[in-house]
Amino acid sequence: MTSKSGNFFGGLLITLGNPKVILFYCGFLPTFVSLSELTLPDMFIIITVITTVLFVVLGSYAWLASSARQLLKTPLQIKKLNRSAGAIMATAGVVIASRS
């Protein structure tokens, strides 16, 4: 069994190594910040803001997933979820096919 801090740092490394995140910030950051004029205190501010945003967003996803796990404990609840998801996907397929 792994520790909570090990899980946290593992998740952090996965997030920081995500190519989508890297490309997003490489394309997004230079639009608002002149990288050639970036000072050390500015870098700490940017790192703090990015880390806070990632923590809040991904923490919210983790909390929602944990809550969903509590709601989906019985086979009947999972069956209802599967049928609902299937109905939504089938409806989306019909809508897409009717537009073509």
Protein backbone atom coordinates (compact mmCIF):
# COMPACT_ATOMS: atom_id res chain seq x y z
CA MET A 1 0.00 0.00 0.00
CA THR A 2 1.37 3.41 -0.91
CA SER A 3 1.39 6.50 1.25
CA LYS A 4 -0.73 9.59 0.66
CA SER A 5 2.36 11.71 0.02
CA GLY A 6 3.62 9.12 -2.48
CA ASN A 7 0.26 9.23 -4.27
CA PHE A 8 0.33 13.04 -4.25
CA PHE A 9 3.83 13.32 -5.72
CA GLY A 10 3.13 10.55 -8.23
CA GLY A 11 0.05 12.42 -9.42
CA LEU A 12 2.00 15.69 -9.53
CA LEU A 13 4.72 14.14 -11.68
CA ILE A 14 2.15 12.62 -14.03
CA THR A 15 0.44 16.01 -14.37
CA LEU A 16 3.67 17.93 -14.93
CA GLY A 17 4.80 15.36 -17.49
CA ASN A 18 1.53 15.54 -19.42
CA PRO A 19 2.33 16.74 -22.97
CA LYS A 20 -1.04 18.52 -23.24
CA VAL A 21 -0.27 20.56 -20.14
CA ILE A 22 3.24 21.34 -21.36
CA LEU A 23 1.99 22.45 -24.80
CA PHE A 24 -0.82 24.49 -23.24
CA TYR A 25 1.53 26.48 -21.05
CA CYS A 26 4.16 26.83 -23.78
CA GLY A 27 1.49 28.30 -26.06
CA PHE A 28 -0.46 30.17 -23.39
CA LEU A 29 2.19 31.73 -21.17
CA PRO A 30 4.15 33.68 -23.84
CA THR A 31 0.90 35.36 -24.91
CA PHE A 32 0.65 37.14 -21.56
CA VAL A 33 4.19 37.16 -20.17
CA SER A 34 7.35 38.28 -21.91
CA LEU A 35 9.62 35.34 -21.17
CA SER A 36 12.77 37.35 -21.91
CA GLU A 37 11.87 39.84 -19.15
CA LEU A 38 10.80 37.24 -16.61
CA THR A 39 12.47 37.63 -13.19
CA LEU A 40 12.89 35.04 -10.47
CA PRO A 41 10.06 36.47 -8.29
CA ASP A 42 7.80 36.50 -11.36
CA MET A 43 8.57 32.82 -11.96
CA PHE A 44 7.64 31.96 -8.37
CA ILE A 45 4.35 33.84 -8.73
CA ILE A 46 3.53 32.03 -11.98
CA ILE A 47 4.50 28.65 -10.53
CA THR A 48 2.37 29.32 -7.44
CA VAL A 49 -0.67 30.31 -9.52
CA ILE A 50 -0.33 27.32 -11.87
CA THR A 51 0.18 24.89 -8.98
CA THR A 52 -2.82 26.30 -7.11
CA VAL A 53 -5.07 26.09 -10.15
CA LEU A 54 -3.97 22.52 -10.95
CA PHE A 55 -4.44 21.48 -7.32
CA VAL A 56 -7.94 22.95 -7.12
CA VAL A 57 -9.09 21.54 -10.47
CA LEU A 58 -7.56 18.08 -10.11
CA GLY A 59 -8.49 17.97 -6.41
CA SER A 60 -12.09 18.69 -7.40
CA TYR A 61 -11.98 15.84 -9.93
CA ALA A 62 -10.63 13.50 -7.25
CA TRP A 63 -13.30 14.56 -4.77
CA LEU A 64 -16.06 14.09 -7.36
CA ALA A 65 -14.69 10.64 -8.26
CA SER A 66 -14.59 9.67 -4.60
CA SER A 67 -18.17 10.86 -4.15
CA ALA A 68 -19.27 8.95 -7.23
CA ARG A 69 -17.64 5.81 -5.88
CA GLN A 70 -19.73 6.14 -2.74
CA LEU A 71 -22.88 6.46 -4.85
CA LEU A 72 -22.08 3.47 -7.07
CA LYS A 73 -21.63 0.69 -4.54
CA THR A 74 -24.40 -1.69 -5.58
CA PRO A 75 -24.77 -3.57 -8.87
CA LEU A 76 -28.20 -1.97 -9.36
CA GLN A 77 -26.71 1.53 -9.19
CA ILE A 78 -23.98 0.58 -11.65
CA LYS A 79 -26.59 -0.94 -13.98
CA LYS A 80 -28.60 2.31 -13.90
CA LEU A 81 -25.45 4.32 -14.63
CA ASN A 82 -24.53 2.07 -17.56
CA ARG A 83 -28.01 2.30 -19.05
CA SER A 84 -28.11 6.08 -18.63
CA ALA A 85 -24.68 6.48 -20.23
CA GLY A 86 -25.69 4.16 -23.07
CA ALA A 87 -28.88 6.13 -23.67
CA ILE A 88 -26.94 9.40 -23.76
CA MET A 89 -24.41 7.97 -26.25
CA ALA A 90 -27.14 6.50 -28.45
CA THR A 91 -29.00 9.83 -28.45
CA ALA A 92 -25.80 11.67 -29.34
CA GLY A 93 -25.21 9.20 -32.19
CA VAL A 94 -28.74 9.74 -33.53
CA VAL A 95 -28.32 13.54 -33.36
CA ILE A 96 -24.97 13.38 -35.15
CA ALA A 97 -26.29 11.01 -37.82
CA SER A 98 -29.37 13.17 -38.42
CA ARG A 99 -27.22 16.24 -39.04
CA SER A 100 -25.17 14.61 -41.79
